[in-house]
N, C-alpha and C. Protein backbone atom coordinates (compact mmCIF):
# COMPACT_ATOMS: atom_id res chain seq x y z
N UNK A 1 38.74 -48.42 -7.76
CA UNK A 1 38.53 -47.09 -8.30
C UNK A 1 37.04 -46.75 -8.36
N UNK A 2 36.23 -47.72 -8.70
CA UNK A 2 34.79 -47.50 -8.81
C UNK A 2 34.19 -47.16 -7.44
N UNK A 3 34.67 -47.79 -6.37
CA UNK A 3 34.19 -47.52 -5.01
C UNK A 3 34.50 -46.07 -4.63
N UNK A 4 35.66 -45.55 -5.03
CA UNK A 4 36.02 -44.16 -4.74
C UNK A 4 35.03 -43.20 -5.38
N UNK A 5 34.64 -43.47 -6.61
CA UNK A 5 33.68 -42.59 -7.30
C UNK A 5 32.33 -42.62 -6.61
N UNK A 6 31.92 -43.78 -6.14
CA UNK A 6 30.64 -43.89 -5.44
C UNK A 6 30.69 -43.12 -4.12
N UNK A 7 31.80 -43.22 -3.40
CA UNK A 7 31.95 -42.50 -2.13
C UNK A 7 31.92 -40.99 -2.37
N UNK A 8 32.63 -40.52 -3.39
CA UNK A 8 32.64 -39.09 -3.72
C UNK A 8 31.24 -38.63 -4.08
N UNK A 9 30.53 -39.41 -4.87
CA UNK A 9 29.16 -39.07 -5.26
C UNK A 9 28.25 -39.00 -4.03
N UNK A 10 28.38 -39.94 -3.12
CA UNK A 10 27.58 -39.93 -1.90
C UNK A 10 27.88 -38.71 -1.03
N UNK A 11 29.16 -38.34 -0.93
CA UNK A 11 29.53 -37.15 -0.16
C UNK A 11 28.90 -35.90 -0.77
N UNK A 12 28.95 -35.76 -2.09
CA UNK A 12 28.33 -34.62 -2.76
C UNK A 12 26.82 -34.60 -2.54
N UNK A 13 26.18 -35.74 -2.61
CA UNK A 13 24.73 -35.80 -2.38
C UNK A 13 24.37 -35.40 -0.95
N UNK A 14 25.17 -35.83 0.00
CA UNK A 14 24.93 -35.45 1.40
C UNK A 14 25.11 -33.94 1.58
N UNK A 15 26.15 -33.38 0.98
CA UNK A 15 26.37 -31.93 1.07
C UNK A 15 25.22 -31.15 0.45
N UNK A 16 24.76 -31.60 -0.70
CA UNK A 16 23.63 -30.93 -1.36
C UNK A 16 22.38 -31.02 -0.49
N UNK A 17 22.16 -32.14 0.14
CA UNK A 17 20.99 -32.32 1.01
C UNK A 17 21.06 -31.42 2.24
N UNK A 18 22.26 -31.13 2.73
CA UNK A 18 22.42 -30.31 3.93
C UNK A 18 22.42 -28.82 3.66
N UNK A 19 22.62 -28.39 2.43
CA UNK A 19 22.70 -26.96 2.12
C UNK A 19 21.46 -26.17 2.54
N UNK A 20 20.24 -26.65 2.26
CA UNK A 20 19.08 -25.85 2.69
C UNK A 20 19.01 -25.64 4.20
N UNK A 21 19.51 -26.56 4.98
CA UNK A 21 19.49 -26.42 6.44
C UNK A 21 20.45 -25.32 6.90
N UNK A 22 21.47 -25.02 6.12
CA UNK A 22 22.44 -23.99 6.46
C UNK A 22 21.99 -22.60 6.03
N UNK A 23 20.98 -22.53 5.19
CA UNK A 23 20.51 -21.26 4.65
C UNK A 23 19.87 -20.42 5.75
N UNK A 24 20.08 -19.13 5.68
CA UNK A 24 19.38 -18.22 6.59
C UNK A 24 18.88 -17.03 5.78
N UNK A 25 17.80 -16.42 6.27
CA UNK A 25 17.23 -15.31 5.52
C UNK A 25 18.01 -14.03 5.82
N UNK A 26 18.00 -13.13 4.86
CA UNK A 26 18.73 -11.87 5.00
C UNK A 26 17.87 -10.83 5.73
N UNK A 27 18.48 -9.73 6.07
CA UNK A 27 17.78 -8.61 6.70
C UNK A 27 16.67 -8.10 5.78
N UNK A 28 16.96 -8.01 4.49
CA UNK A 28 15.98 -7.54 3.51
C UNK A 28 14.80 -8.50 3.43
N UNK A 29 15.09 -9.81 3.49
CA UNK A 29 14.01 -10.81 3.49
C UNK A 29 13.12 -10.63 4.72
N UNK A 30 13.74 -10.39 5.88
CA UNK A 30 12.99 -10.22 7.12
C UNK A 30 12.06 -9.01 7.03
N UNK A 31 12.56 -7.91 6.46
CA UNK A 31 11.74 -6.71 6.31
C UNK A 31 10.59 -6.97 5.33
N UNK A 32 10.87 -7.65 4.22
CA UNK A 32 9.82 -7.96 3.25
C UNK A 32 8.74 -8.86 3.85
N UNK A 33 9.16 -9.86 4.62
CA UNK A 33 8.20 -10.76 5.28
C UNK A 33 7.34 -9.96 6.26
N UNK A 34 7.96 -9.05 7.01
CA UNK A 34 7.23 -8.23 7.97
C UNK A 34 6.19 -7.36 7.28
N UNK A 35 6.59 -6.68 6.21
CA UNK A 35 5.65 -5.80 5.50
C UNK A 35 4.48 -6.60 4.93
N UNK A 36 4.77 -7.74 4.34
CA UNK A 36 3.70 -8.57 3.78
C UNK A 36 2.77 -9.07 4.88
N UNK A 37 3.34 -9.47 6.01
CA UNK A 37 2.54 -9.95 7.13
C UNK A 37 1.62 -8.85 7.66
N UNK A 38 2.15 -7.65 7.83
CA UNK A 38 1.34 -6.53 8.33
C UNK A 38 0.22 -6.22 7.35
N UNK A 39 0.53 -6.17 6.06
CA UNK A 39 -0.50 -5.85 5.06
C UNK A 39 -1.61 -6.89 5.00
N UNK A 40 -1.25 -8.16 5.12
CA UNK A 40 -2.24 -9.23 4.94
C UNK A 40 -2.89 -9.71 6.23
N UNK A 41 -2.17 -9.63 7.36
CA UNK A 41 -2.69 -10.21 8.60
C UNK A 41 -3.02 -9.20 9.69
N UNK A 42 -2.32 -8.09 9.75
CA UNK A 42 -2.55 -7.14 10.85
C UNK A 42 -3.58 -6.09 10.46
N UNK A 43 -3.38 -5.44 9.35
CA UNK A 43 -4.26 -4.34 8.96
C UNK A 43 -5.73 -4.74 8.80
N UNK A 44 -6.06 -5.83 8.14
CA UNK A 44 -7.49 -6.13 7.92
C UNK A 44 -8.24 -6.60 9.16
N UNK A 45 -7.56 -7.00 10.22
CA UNK A 45 -8.23 -7.65 11.33
C UNK A 45 -8.12 -6.89 12.64
N UNK A 46 -8.49 -5.63 12.63
CA UNK A 46 -8.52 -4.85 13.86
C UNK A 46 -9.98 -4.81 14.31
N UNK A 47 -10.25 -5.15 15.56
CA UNK A 47 -11.62 -5.32 16.02
C UNK A 47 -12.27 -4.09 16.64
N UNK A 48 -11.50 -3.05 16.92
CA UNK A 48 -12.10 -1.87 17.54
C UNK A 48 -13.06 -1.20 16.57
N UNK A 49 -14.05 -0.51 17.13
CA UNK A 49 -15.06 0.16 16.31
C UNK A 49 -14.40 1.21 15.41
N UNK A 50 -14.66 1.12 14.13
CA UNK A 50 -14.14 2.02 13.09
C UNK A 50 -12.62 1.97 12.93
N UNK A 51 -11.94 1.19 13.73
CA UNK A 51 -10.48 1.15 13.63
C UNK A 51 -10.00 0.46 12.37
N UNK A 52 -10.80 -0.47 11.84
CA UNK A 52 -10.33 -1.20 10.66
C UNK A 52 -10.11 -0.26 9.48
N UNK A 53 -10.97 0.75 9.34
CA UNK A 53 -10.76 1.72 8.26
C UNK A 53 -9.51 2.54 8.52
N UNK A 54 -9.30 2.90 9.77
CA UNK A 54 -8.14 3.71 10.12
C UNK A 54 -6.84 2.92 9.91
N UNK A 55 -6.79 1.72 10.48
CA UNK A 55 -5.54 0.96 10.45
C UNK A 55 -5.24 0.43 9.06
N UNK A 56 -6.26 0.19 8.24
CA UNK A 56 -6.00 -0.34 6.90
C UNK A 56 -5.26 0.66 6.03
N UNK A 57 -5.35 1.94 6.39
CA UNK A 57 -4.63 2.96 5.63
C UNK A 57 -3.42 3.49 6.40
N UNK A 58 -3.04 2.80 7.43
CA UNK A 58 -1.93 3.25 8.28
C UNK A 58 -0.61 3.19 7.54
N UNK A 59 0.26 4.12 7.90
CA UNK A 59 1.62 4.13 7.35
C UNK A 59 2.48 3.24 8.24
N UNK A 60 3.21 2.33 7.62
CA UNK A 60 4.09 1.42 8.36
C UNK A 60 5.53 1.87 8.14
N UNK A 61 6.24 2.11 9.23
CA UNK A 61 7.63 2.52 9.17
C UNK A 61 8.48 1.48 9.90
N UNK A 62 9.47 0.95 9.20
CA UNK A 62 10.42 0.03 9.83
C UNK A 62 11.44 0.88 10.59
N UNK A 63 11.50 0.71 11.90
CA UNK A 63 12.38 1.53 12.73
C UNK A 63 13.77 0.92 12.89
N UNK A 64 13.81 -0.41 13.03
CA UNK A 64 15.09 -1.07 13.28
C UNK A 64 14.94 -2.55 12.97
N UNK A 65 16.04 -3.18 12.65
CA UNK A 65 16.08 -4.62 12.43
C UNK A 65 17.34 -5.15 13.08
N UNK A 66 17.19 -6.19 13.91
CA UNK A 66 18.37 -6.77 14.55
C UNK A 66 18.27 -8.29 14.55
N UNK A 67 19.43 -8.91 14.44
CA UNK A 67 19.49 -10.37 14.49
C UNK A 67 19.81 -10.77 15.93
N UNK A 68 18.96 -11.65 16.48
CA UNK A 68 19.11 -12.05 17.86
C UNK A 68 18.83 -13.55 17.95
N UNK A 69 19.79 -14.32 18.44
CA UNK A 69 19.64 -15.78 18.57
C UNK A 69 19.25 -16.43 17.24
N UNK A 70 19.88 -16.02 16.17
CA UNK A 70 19.63 -16.54 14.81
C UNK A 70 18.24 -16.21 14.28
N UNK A 71 17.50 -15.34 14.95
CA UNK A 71 16.21 -14.87 14.46
C UNK A 71 16.29 -13.37 14.22
N UNK A 72 15.37 -12.85 13.43
CA UNK A 72 15.32 -11.42 13.16
C UNK A 72 14.22 -10.78 13.99
N UNK A 73 14.52 -9.66 14.64
CA UNK A 73 13.52 -8.83 15.30
C UNK A 73 13.37 -7.58 14.45
N UNK A 74 12.16 -7.35 13.96
CA UNK A 74 11.88 -6.17 13.14
C UNK A 74 11.00 -5.24 13.97
N UNK A 75 11.50 -4.04 14.25
CA UNK A 75 10.78 -3.04 15.03
C UNK A 75 10.05 -2.13 14.04
N UNK A 76 8.75 -1.94 14.26
CA UNK A 76 8.01 -1.10 13.33
C UNK A 76 7.02 -0.22 14.07
N UNK A 77 6.62 0.85 13.40
CA UNK A 77 5.62 1.77 13.89
C UNK A 77 4.51 1.84 12.85
N UNK A 78 3.28 1.71 13.31
CA UNK A 78 2.11 1.90 12.44
C UNK A 78 1.41 3.16 12.93
N UNK A 79 1.16 4.09 12.01
CA UNK A 79 0.56 5.37 12.40
C UNK A 79 -0.50 5.77 11.39
N UNK A 80 -1.62 6.30 11.91
CA UNK A 80 -2.69 6.80 11.05
C UNK A 80 -3.33 8.00 11.71
N UNK A 81 -3.69 8.99 10.90
CA UNK A 81 -4.44 10.14 11.42
C UNK A 81 -5.62 10.44 10.50
N UNK A 82 -6.29 9.40 10.03
CA UNK A 82 -7.40 9.55 9.10
C UNK A 82 -8.56 10.34 9.69
N UNK A 83 -8.80 10.23 10.98
CA UNK A 83 -9.94 10.90 11.60
C UNK A 83 -9.53 12.17 12.34
N UNK A 84 -8.30 12.58 12.18
CA UNK A 84 -7.81 13.73 12.92
C UNK A 84 -7.11 13.32 14.21
N UNK A 85 -7.49 12.16 14.75
CA UNK A 85 -6.80 11.61 15.92
C UNK A 85 -5.65 10.76 15.43
N UNK A 86 -4.50 10.94 16.03
CA UNK A 86 -3.36 10.11 15.64
C UNK A 86 -3.43 8.80 16.40
N UNK A 87 -3.51 7.72 15.67
CA UNK A 87 -3.51 6.37 16.25
C UNK A 87 -2.19 5.74 15.85
N UNK A 88 -1.52 5.11 16.80
CA UNK A 88 -0.27 4.45 16.44
C UNK A 88 -0.01 3.24 17.32
N UNK A 89 0.82 2.36 16.81
CA UNK A 89 1.23 1.17 17.54
C UNK A 89 2.68 0.87 17.20
N UNK A 90 3.45 0.49 18.19
CA UNK A 90 4.83 0.06 17.99
C UNK A 90 4.87 -1.45 18.23
N UNK A 91 5.40 -2.18 17.27
CA UNK A 91 5.43 -3.63 17.35
C UNK A 91 6.83 -4.16 17.10
N UNK A 92 7.13 -5.31 17.70
CA UNK A 92 8.32 -6.09 17.37
C UNK A 92 7.80 -7.39 16.78
N UNK A 93 8.23 -7.69 15.57
CA UNK A 93 7.85 -8.95 14.93
C UNK A 93 9.11 -9.80 14.85
N UNK A 94 9.06 -10.97 15.50
CA UNK A 94 10.20 -11.89 15.51
C UNK A 94 10.02 -12.92 14.40
N UNK A 95 11.05 -13.05 13.57
CA UNK A 95 11.00 -13.94 12.41
C UNK A 95 12.09 -14.99 12.54
N UNK A 96 11.72 -16.24 12.28
CA UNK A 96 12.69 -17.34 12.30
C UNK A 96 13.76 -17.08 11.25
N UNK A 97 15.02 -17.12 11.66
CA UNK A 97 16.13 -16.80 10.77
C UNK A 97 16.37 -17.80 9.66
N UNK A 98 15.83 -19.00 9.79
CA UNK A 98 16.03 -20.02 8.75
C UNK A 98 14.81 -20.19 7.86
N UNK A 99 13.61 -20.24 8.47
CA UNK A 99 12.40 -20.55 7.69
C UNK A 99 11.63 -19.31 7.25
N UNK A 100 11.82 -18.19 7.96
CA UNK A 100 11.05 -16.99 7.64
C UNK A 100 9.68 -16.98 8.29
N UNK A 101 9.40 -17.93 9.18
CA UNK A 101 8.11 -17.98 9.86
C UNK A 101 8.03 -16.89 10.93
N UNK A 102 6.82 -16.35 11.14
CA UNK A 102 6.59 -15.39 12.21
C UNK A 102 6.53 -16.17 13.52
N UNK A 103 7.40 -15.83 14.46
CA UNK A 103 7.45 -16.55 15.73
C UNK A 103 6.69 -15.83 16.84
N UNK A 104 6.74 -14.49 16.82
CA UNK A 104 6.17 -13.74 17.93
C UNK A 104 5.88 -12.32 17.49
N UNK A 105 4.85 -11.73 18.07
CA UNK A 105 4.53 -10.32 17.84
C UNK A 105 4.32 -9.70 19.21
N UNK A 106 5.05 -8.60 19.49
CA UNK A 106 4.94 -7.94 20.78
C UNK A 106 4.78 -6.44 20.57
N UNK A 107 4.01 -5.82 21.45
CA UNK A 107 3.97 -4.36 21.51
C UNK A 107 5.17 -3.91 22.32
N UNK A 108 5.67 -2.72 22.02
CA UNK A 108 6.75 -2.17 22.84
C UNK A 108 6.62 -0.67 22.90
N UNK A 109 7.27 -0.08 23.88
CA UNK A 109 7.28 1.37 24.01
C UNK A 109 5.91 1.92 24.36
N UNK A 110 5.72 3.19 24.07
CA UNK A 110 4.47 3.87 24.36
C UNK A 110 3.56 3.74 23.15
N UNK A 111 2.42 3.08 23.31
CA UNK A 111 1.46 2.89 22.22
C UNK A 111 0.26 3.77 22.40
């Protein structure tokens, strides 16, 4: 009887250990990660002359979110018209569906 209890306990411990590996991030998590990434990593580091002021105040619009190969693709548009000229960029940010890490950033469409 004691061996049965030990086996059951071991099975529960193995299941508990495997649960984090089964976890995946939600669509809302992917959008939140994207917004935080853009605010902290994309906006402050634009190298064009005077663009950093423009892009730092850019409006970010999430256009679409899709799950592809267990990862999230978040489509977004960044637009600013601080100087009277409309500057914009369309980006796809690919996020790992399990860890939430940024895997890839691509431009798409007409920029």
